[in-house]
Amino acid sequence: MEKVIVALWKAESESRDAFNARLLAELPAKLEAAGASRVRINAEDAITDTGAMLRQTRGQPQHNATIQFWMPSANAIFRDKVDAVLKAAGARFAAWLVLESTILPNKDHPPATATRNQGWAQMAFLTRPARLNFEEWLAIWQDSHTRVAIDTQSNFEYVQNVVIRALTPDAPPYAAIVEECFPEAALTDPFVFFDAVGDQNKFTANLSAMMESCNRFIDQGMIDVIPTSQYNF
């Protein structure tokens, strides 16, 4: 089985609410009929809008939803039906074949099928800096930063996806896609985000450690971060 992650843009003429409702109601069944399984949809909504200060962008326009799923083979000759479903679902899509590593499985708030999962999911799309070769970048991120991300944040799910290759010709040049789930309060309260409620010293230390670690393998302005709501199917 291979995992595919898709960035999906809505048509300008369609409202976000209508786009989200249509995806949640129709896309999982259509993808499954085309050969996909374990579909997950990440979309923005009124709840995640409150975390707008957490958004980062390397360029506009950012996509409106992220679709994740598995299929026996992501080779182009076996992807025709899936690609047709995605093409019909929005104005544009980009797709990547990824290698998933589940750092923190969601044991605290097990998701229910077709229901908005508890909290919110931060989707981070990483671009590898030119100053680092792939091996250096991967070692810093996975062998060092991973521990920092666990120790300094209130994340209760943490999934790393290394991009193996782009599946569409116009896909942004991401090297990895990360999903981390947090309590809803972390959208607006940085003390919750950094697992330091009521403790200024811990907050300062966690924030400093996280920023210092990120700066080792992420260059400013070269990352997309989008607060989303998470749905499993």
C-alpha atoms as a PDB file:
ATOM      1  CA  MET A   1       0.000   0.000   0.000  1.00  0.00           C
ATOM      2  CA  GLU A   2       1.124   3.559  -0.733  1.00  0.00           C
ATOM      3  CA  LYS A   3      -0.003   6.808   0.860  1.00  0.00           C
ATOM      4  CA  VAL A   4      -1.006   9.822  -1.208  1.00  0.00           C
ATOM      5  CA  ILE A   5      -1.550  13.379   0.027  1.00  0.00           C
ATOM      6  CA  VAL A   6      -3.475  15.846  -2.109  1.00  0.00           C
ATOM      7  CA  ALA A   7      -3.818  19.625  -1.929  1.00  0.00           C
ATOM      8  CA  LEU A   8      -7.181  20.725  -3.330  1.00  0.00           C
ATOM      9  CA  TRP A   9      -8.222  24.230  -4.380  1.00  0.00           C
ATOM     10  CA  LYS A  10     -11.892  25.221  -4.597  1.00  0.00           C
ATOM     11  CA  ALA A  11     -13.425  27.195  -7.428  1.00  0.00           C
ATOM     12  CA  GLU A  12     -13.676  30.922  -6.710  1.00  0.00           C
ATOM     13  CA  SER A  13     -17.400  30.771  -7.366  1.00  0.00           C
ATOM     14  CA  GLU A  14     -17.990  28.213  -4.587  1.00  0.00           C
ATOM     15  CA  SER A  15     -18.174  29.307  -0.968  1.00  0.00           C
ATOM     16  CA  ARG A  16     -15.935  27.626   1.551  1.00  0.00           C
ATOM     17  CA  ASP A  17     -18.871  26.209   3.484  1.00  0.00           C
ATOM     18  CA  ALA A  18     -20.403  24.720   0.343  1.00  0.00           C
ATOM     19  CA  PHE A  19     -17.017  23.330  -0.726  1.00  0.00           C
ATOM     20  CA  ASN A  20     -16.449  21.700   2.655  1.00  0.00           C
ATOM     21  CA  ALA A  21     -19.941  20.262   2.836  1.00  0.00           C
ATOM     22  CA  ARG A  22     -19.664  18.786  -0.641  1.00  0.00           C
ATOM     23  CA  LEU A  23     -16.263  17.221   0.022  1.00  0.00           C
ATOM     24  CA  LEU A  24     -17.341  15.661   3.300  1.00  0.00           C
ATOM     25  CA  ALA A  25     -20.583  14.331   1.859  1.00  0.00           C
ATOM     26  CA  GLU A  26     -19.314  13.034  -1.479  1.00  0.00           C
ATOM     27  CA  LEU A  27     -15.533  12.719  -1.822  1.00  0.00           C
ATOM     28  CA  PRO A  28     -14.738   9.764   0.493  1.00  0.00           C
ATOM     29  CA  ALA A  29     -17.211   7.411  -1.196  1.00  0.00           C
ATOM     30  CA  LYS A  30     -16.068   8.495  -4.657  1.00  0.00           C
ATOM     31  CA  LEU A  31     -12.407   7.961  -3.782  1.00  0.00           C
ATOM     32  CA  GLU A  32     -13.130   4.572  -2.275  1.00  0.00           C
ATOM     33  CA  ALA A  33     -15.037   3.542  -5.400  1.00  0.00           C
ATOM     34  CA  ALA A  34     -11.987   4.592  -7.419  1.00  0.00           C
ATOM     35  CA  GLY A  35      -9.649   2.391  -5.364  1.00  0.00           C
ATOM     36  CA  ALA A  36      -8.595   4.526  -2.373  1.00  0.00           C
ATOM     37  CA  SER A  37      -9.018   3.651   1.309  1.00  0.00           C
ATOM     38  CA  ARG A  38      -8.575   5.220   4.776  1.00  0.00           C
ATOM     39  CA  VAL A  39      -9.560   8.651   3.501  1.00  0.00           C
ATOM     40  CA  ARG A  40      -8.872  11.699   5.691  1.00  0.00           C
ATOM     41  CA  ILE A  41     -10.003  15.239   4.891  1.00  0.00           C
ATOM     42  CA  ASN A  42      -8.495  18.348   6.480  1.00  0.00           C
ATOM     43  CA  ALA A  43     -10.463  21.539   5.878  1.00  0.00           C
ATOM     44  CA  GLU A  44     -10.643  25.039   7.301  1.00  0.00           C
ATOM     45  CA  ASP A  45     -13.788  26.238   9.043  1.00  0.00           C
ATOM     46  CA  ALA A  46     -15.097  28.822  11.493  1.00  0.00           C
ATOM     47  CA  ILE A  47     -13.372  27.067  14.393  1.00  0.00           C
ATOM     48  CA  THR A  48      -9.936  27.019  12.792  1.00  0.00           C
ATOM     49  CA  ASP A  49     -10.391  30.619  11.633  1.00  0.00           C
ATOM     50  CA  THR A  50      -9.750  31.627  15.236  1.00  0.00           C
ATOM     51  CA  GLY A  51      -6.179  30.368  14.800  1.00  0.00           C
ATOM     52  CA  ALA A  52      -5.416  32.599  11.819  1.00  0.00           C
ATOM     53  CA  MET A  53      -2.334  33.964  13.614  1.00  0.00           C
ATOM     54  CA  LEU A  54      -0.787  30.493  13.326  1.00  0.00           C
ATOM     55  CA  ARG A  55      -0.956  30.462   9.536  1.00  0.00           C
ATOM     56  CA  GLN A  56       2.248  30.739   7.538  1.00  0.00           C
ATOM     57  CA  THR A  57       2.557  30.866   3.763  1.00  0.00           C
ATOM     58  CA  ARG A  58       5.310  30.582   1.183  1.00  0.00           C
ATOM     59  CA  GLY A  59       3.021  31.971  -1.507  1.00  0.00           C
ATOM     60  CA  GLN A  60      -0.604  32.498  -2.436  1.00  0.00           C
ATOM     61  CA  PRO A  61      -3.048  31.070  -3.056  1.00  0.00           C
ATOM     62  CA  GLN A  62      -2.890  28.333  -0.462  1.00  0.00           C
ATOM     63  CA  HIS A  63      -5.056  25.292  -1.059  1.00  0.00           C
ATOM     64  CA  ASN A  64      -8.445  24.927   0.636  1.00  0.00           C
ATOM     65  CA  ALA A  65      -8.383  21.274   1.714  1.00  0.00           C
ATOM     66  CA  THR A  66      -5.926  18.440   2.186  1.00  0.00           C
ATOM     67  CA  ILE A  67      -6.954  14.918   1.238  1.00  0.00           C
ATOM     68  CA  GLN A  68      -5.051  11.875   2.507  1.00  0.00           C
ATOM     69  CA  PHE A  69      -5.615   8.261   1.478  1.00  0.00           C
ATOM     70  CA  TRP A  70      -3.976   4.928   0.719  1.00  0.00           C
ATOM     71  CA  MET A  71      -4.067   2.855  -2.452  1.00  0.00           C
ATOM     72  CA  PRO A  72      -2.365  -0.360  -3.594  1.00  0.00           C
ATOM     73  CA  SER A  73      -0.215   1.542  -6.100  1.00  0.00           C
ATOM     74  CA  ALA A  74       0.121   5.252  -6.809  1.00  0.00           C
ATOM     75  CA  ASN A  75       1.708   4.581 -10.209  1.00  0.00           C
ATOM     76  CA  ALA A  76       0.104   6.731 -12.898  1.00  0.00           C
ATOM     77  CA  ILE A  77      -1.316   3.770 -14.817  1.00  0.00           C
ATOM     78  CA  PHE A  78      -3.349   2.757 -11.749  1.00  0.00           C
ATOM     79  CA  ARG A  79      -4.379   6.259 -10.692  1.00  0.00           C
ATOM     80  CA  ASP A  80      -6.675   7.306 -13.524  1.00  0.00           C
ATOM     81  CA  LYS A  81      -9.951   6.864 -11.637  1.00  0.00           C
ATOM     82  CA  VAL A  82      -8.667   8.549  -8.482  1.00  0.00           C
ATOM     83  CA  ASP A  83      -7.263  11.466 -10.453  1.00  0.00           C
ATOM     84  CA  ALA A  84     -10.588  11.892 -12.247  1.00  0.00           C
ATOM     85  CA  VAL A  85     -12.404  12.112  -8.903  1.00  0.00           C
ATOM     86  CA  LEU A  86      -9.941  14.708  -7.615  1.00  0.00           C
ATOM     87  CA  LYS A  87     -10.093  16.751 -10.818  1.00  0.00           C
ATOM     88  CA  ALA A  88     -13.873  16.936 -10.532  1.00  0.00           C
ATOM     89  CA  ALA A  89     -13.740  17.875  -6.834  1.00  0.00           C
ATOM     90  CA  GLY A  90     -12.198  21.324  -7.237  1.00  0.00           C
ATOM     91  CA  ALA A  91     -10.554  23.865  -9.487  1.00  0.00           C
ATOM     92  CA  ARG A  92      -7.077  22.361  -9.128  1.00  0.00           C
ATOM     93  CA  PHE A  93      -5.252  19.617  -7.253  1.00  0.00           C
ATOM     94  CA  ALA A  94      -1.643  18.687  -6.540  1.00  0.00           C
ATOM     95  CA  ALA A  95      -0.578  15.294  -5.227  1.00  0.00           C
ATOM     96  CA  TRP A  96       2.445  13.639  -3.621  1.00  0.00           C
ATOM     97  CA  LEU A  97       3.457  10.090  -2.806  1.00  0.00           C
ATOM     98  CA  VAL A  98       4.626  10.068   0.826  1.00  0.00           C
ATOM     99  CA  LEU A  99       6.181   7.807   3.427  1.00  0.00           C
ATOM    100  CA  GLU A 100       4.230   8.042   6.683  1.00  0.00           C
ATOM    101  CA  SER A 101       5.763   7.869  10.151  1.00  0.00           C
ATOM    102  CA  THR A 102       3.309   8.005  13.065  1.00  0.00           C
ATOM    103  CA  ILE A 103       5.189   9.624  15.931  1.00  0.00           C
ATOM    104  CA  LEU A 104       2.192  10.089  18.244  1.00  0.00           C
ATOM    105  CA  PRO A 105      -0.933   8.074  17.432  1.00  0.00           C
ATOM    106  CA  ASN A 106      -4.162   9.694  18.576  1.00  0.00           C
ATOM    107  CA  LYS A 107      -4.906   7.657  21.693  1.00  0.00           C
ATOM    108  CA  ASP A 108      -6.379  10.498  23.754  1.00  0.00           C
ATOM    109  CA  HIS A 109      -9.223  11.405  21.398  1.00  0.00           C
ATOM    110  CA  PRO A 110      -9.878   8.441  19.057  1.00  0.00           C
ATOM    111  CA  PRO A 111     -11.605   9.770  15.939  1.00  0.00           C
ATOM    112  CA  ALA A 112     -15.100   8.732  14.931  1.00  0.00           C
ATOM    113  CA  THR A 113     -15.927   8.080  11.288  1.00  0.00           C
ATOM    114  CA  ALA A 114     -17.258  11.037   9.266  1.00  0.00           C
ATOM    115  CA  THR A 115     -17.307  13.307  12.328  1.00  0.00           C
ATOM    116  CA  ARG A 116     -15.134  16.320  13.059  1.00  0.00           C
ATOM    117  CA  ASN A 117     -12.363  15.077  15.315  1.00  0.00           C
ATOM    118  CA  GLN A 118     -11.685  16.718  18.660  1.00  0.00           C
ATOM    119  CA  GLY A 119      -9.326  19.688  18.735  1.00  0.00           C
ATOM    120  CA  TRP A 120      -7.733  20.772  15.465  1.00  0.00           C
ATOM    121  CA  ALA A 121      -4.983  19.665  13.117  1.00  0.00           C
ATOM    122  CA  GLN A 122      -2.017  21.777  12.104  1.00  0.00           C
ATOM    123  CA  MET A 123      -0.930  20.914   8.570  1.00  0.00           C
ATOM    124  CA  ALA A 124       2.668  21.971   7.869  1.00  0.00           C
ATOM    125  CA  PHE A 125       4.141  21.723   4.375  1.00  0.00           C
ATOM    126  CA  LEU A 126       7.933  21.803   4.564  1.00  0.00           C
ATOM    127  CA  THR A 127      10.389  22.866   1.873  1.00  0.00           C
ATOM    128  CA  ARG A 128      13.996  21.690   2.239  1.00  0.00           C
ATOM    129  CA  PRO A 129      16.473  24.607   2.391  1.00  0.00           C
ATOM    130  CA  ALA A 130      19.118  24.657  -0.342  1.00  0.00           C
ATOM    131  CA  ARG A 131      21.776  24.951   2.388  1.00  0.00           C
ATOM    132  CA  LEU A 132      21.089  21.352   3.467  1.00  0.00           C
ATOM    133  CA  ASN A 133      21.327  18.187   1.429  1.00  0.00           C
ATOM    134  CA  PHE A 134      18.523  15.653   1.881  1.00  0.00           C
ATOM    135  CA  GLU A 135      20.397  13.463   4.362  1.00  0.00           C
ATOM    136  CA  GLU A 136      21.363  16.434   6.552  1.00  0.00           C
ATOM    137  CA  TRP A 137      17.849  17.859   6.476  1.00  0.00           C
ATOM    138  CA  LEU A 138      16.195  14.533   7.281  1.00  0.00           C
ATOM    139  CA  ALA A 139      18.578  13.819  10.170  1.00  0.00           C
ATOM    140  CA  ILE A 140      17.916  17.199  11.794  1.00  0.00           C
ATOM    141  CA  TRP A 141      14.160  16.901  11.380  1.00  0.00           C
ATOM    142  CA  GLN A 142      13.522  13.272  12.255  1.00  0.00           C
ATOM    143  CA  ASP A 143      16.435  12.348  14.512  1.00  0.00           C
ATOM    144  CA  SER A 144      16.595  15.563  16.544  1.00  0.00           C
ATOM    145  CA  HIS A 145      13.642  17.917  16.057  1.00  0.00           C
ATOM    146  CA  THR A 146      11.070  15.157  16.595  1.00  0.00           C
ATOM    147  CA  ARG A 147      11.942  14.927  20.272  1.00  0.00           C
ATOM    148  CA  VAL A 148      11.730  18.714  20.634  1.00  0.00           C
ATOM    149  CA  ALA A 149       8.268  18.789  19.037  1.00  0.00           C
ATOM    150  CA  ILE A 150       7.010  16.122  21.432  1.00  0.00           C
ATOM    151  CA  ASP A 151       8.515  17.707  24.539  1.00  0.00           C
ATOM    152  CA  THR A 152       7.539  21.346  23.946  1.00  0.00           C
ATOM    153  CA  GLN A 153       3.969  21.127  22.603  1.00  0.00           C
ATOM    154  CA  SER A 154       0.524  19.884  23.634  1.00  0.00           C
ATOM    155  CA  ASN A 155       0.154  17.755  20.499  1.00  0.00           C
ATOM    156  CA  PHE A 156      -1.828  14.527  20.918  1.00  0.00           C
ATOM    157  CA  GLU A 157      -1.292  13.277  17.352  1.00  0.00           C
ATOM    158  CA  TYR A 158       1.891  13.749  15.328  1.00  0.00           C
ATOM    159  CA  VAL A 159       2.397  12.281  11.867  1.00  0.00           C
ATOM    160  CA  GLN A 160       5.393  12.920   9.617  1.00  0.00           C
ATOM    161  CA  ASN A 161       5.104  12.322   5.869  1.00  0.00           C
ATOM    162  CA  VAL A 162       8.324  12.422   3.841  1.00  0.00           C
ATOM    163  CA  VAL A 163       7.587  13.260   0.215  1.00  0.00           C
ATOM    164  CA  ILE A 164       8.904  10.516  -2.062  1.00  0.00           C
ATOM    165  CA  ARG A 165       7.886  12.222  -5.303  1.00  0.00           C
ATOM    166  CA  ALA A 166       5.310  14.570  -6.762  1.00  0.00           C
ATOM    167  CA  LEU A 167       2.488  12.863  -8.633  1.00  0.00           C
ATOM    168  CA  THR A 168       1.325  15.966 -10.519  1.00  0.00           C
ATOM    169  CA  PRO A 169       3.512  18.241 -12.643  1.00  0.00           C
ATOM    170  CA  ASP A 170       2.571  21.516 -10.938  1.00  0.00           C
ATOM    171  CA  ALA A 171       2.885  20.337  -7.321  1.00  0.00           C
ATOM    172  CA  PRO A 172       4.674  22.761  -4.966  1.00  0.00           C
ATOM    173  CA  PRO A 173       8.200  21.535  -4.114  1.00  0.00           C
ATOM    174  CA  TYR A 174       7.456  20.223  -0.634  1.00  0.00           C
ATOM    175  CA  ALA A 175       9.897  17.822   1.000  1.00  0.00           C
ATOM    176  CA  ALA A 176       7.535  16.760   3.784  1.00  0.00           C
ATOM    177  CA  ILE A 177       3.997  17.194   5.074  1.00  0.00           C
ATOM    178  CA  VAL A 178       3.326  17.119   8.818  1.00  0.00           C
ATOM    179  CA  GLU A 179       0.074  16.798  10.713  1.00  0.00           C
ATOM    180  CA  GLU A 180      -0.163  17.572  14.430  1.00  0.00           C
ATOM    181  CA  CYS A 181      -3.370  17.640  16.470  1.00  0.00           C
ATOM    182  CA  PHE A 182      -3.829  20.015  19.413  1.00  0.00           C
ATOM    183  CA  PRO A 183      -6.551  20.941  21.910  1.00  0.00           C
ATOM    184  CA  GLU A 184      -8.961  23.521  20.523  1.00  0.00           C
ATOM    185  CA  ALA A 185      -7.761  26.111  23.051  1.00  0.00           C
ATOM    186  CA  ALA A 186      -4.310  26.006  21.417  1.00  0.00           C
ATOM    187  CA  LEU A 187      -5.764  27.893  18.444  1.00  0.00           C
ATOM    188  CA  THR A 188      -5.828  31.095  20.467  1.00  0.00           C
ATOM    189  CA  ASP A 189      -3.735  30.460  23.586  1.00  0.00           C
ATOM    190  CA  PRO A 190       0.010  29.983  22.994  1.00  0.00           C
ATOM    191  CA  PHE A 191       0.412  28.756  26.579  1.00  0.00           C
ATOM    192  CA  VAL A 192      -1.848  25.823  25.718  1.00  0.00           C
ATOM    193  CA  PHE A 193      -0.048  25.255  22.400  1.00  0.00           C
ATOM    194  CA  PHE A 194       3.314  25.041  24.147  1.00  0.00           C
ATOM    195  CA  ASP A 195       1.991  22.916  27.015  1.00  0.00           C
ATOM    196  CA  ALA A 196       2.774  25.563  29.618  1.00  0.00           C
ATOM    197  CA  VAL A 197      -0.543  26.788  31.043  1.00  0.00           C
ATOM    198  CA  GLY A 198       0.135  29.014  34.036  1.00  0.00           C
ATOM    199  CA  ASP A 199       3.923  28.680  33.752  1.00  0.00           C
ATOM    200  CA  GLN A 200       5.698  31.620  32.107  1.00  0.00           C
ATOM    201  CA  ASN A 201       9.163  30.094  32.501  1.00  0.00           C
ATOM    202  CA  LYS A 202       8.121  26.820  30.868  1.00  0.00           C
ATOM    203  CA  PHE A 203       6.387  28.691  28.065  1.00  0.00           C
ATOM    204  CA  THR A 204       9.468  30.784  27.359  1.00  0.00           C
ATOM    205  CA  ALA A 205      11.730  27.743  27.425  1.00  0.00           C
ATOM    206  CA  ASN A 206       9.459  25.646  25.198  1.00  0.00           C
ATOM    207  CA  LEU A 207       8.926  28.431  22.684  1.00  0.00           C
ATOM    208  CA  SER A 208      12.655  29.140  22.517  1.00  0.00           C
ATOM    209  CA  ALA A 209      13.560  25.469  22.109  1.00  0.00           C
ATOM    210  CA  MET A 210      10.961  24.983  19.366  1.00  0.00           C
ATOM    211  CA  MET A 211      11.972  28.054  17.387  1.00  0.00           C
ATOM    212  CA  GLU A 212      15.677  27.272  17.680  1.00  0.00           C
ATOM    213  CA  SER A 213      15.083  23.720  16.494  1.00  0.00           C
ATOM    214  CA  CYS A 214      12.858  24.745  13.568  1.00  0.00           C
ATOM    215  CA  ASN A 215      15.396  27.294  12.346  1.00  0.00           C
ATOM    216  CA  ARG A 216      17.914  24.496  11.848  1.00  0.00           C
ATOM    217  CA  PHE A 217      15.954  22.893   9.000  1.00  0.00           C
ATOM    218  CA  ILE A 218      13.241  25.381   7.954  1.00  0.00           C
ATOM    219  CA  ASP A 219      13.991  28.722   6.304  1.00  0.00           C
ATOM    220  CA  GLN A 220      11.713  31.693   6.979  1.00  0.00           C
ATOM    221  CA  GLY A 221       9.053  32.131   4.317  1.00  0.00           C
ATOM    222  CA  MET A 222       9.539  28.616   2.955  1.00  0.00           C
ATOM    223  CA  ILE A 223       6.797  26.775   4.844  1.00  0.00           C
ATOM    224  CA  ASP A 224       3.020  26.586   4.628  1.00  0.00           C
ATOM    225  CA  VAL A 225       1.168  26.106   7.932  1.00  0.00           C
ATOM    226  CA  ILE A 226      -2.617  25.793   7.908  1.00  0.00           C
ATOM    227  CA  PRO A 227      -4.932  25.213  10.900  1.00  0.00           C
ATOM    228  CA  THR A 228      -7.583  22.676   9.877  1.00  0.00           C
ATOM    229  CA  SER A 229     -10.384  20.490  11.131  1.00  0.00           C
ATOM    230  CA  GLN A 230      -9.777  16.759  10.693  1.00  0.00           C
ATOM    231  CA  TYR A 231     -12.239  14.138   9.440  1.00  0.00           C
ATOM    232  CA  ASN A 232     -11.587  10.392   9.069  1.00  0.00           C
ATOM    233  CA  PHE A 233     -13.560   8.072   6.810  1.00  0.00           C
END
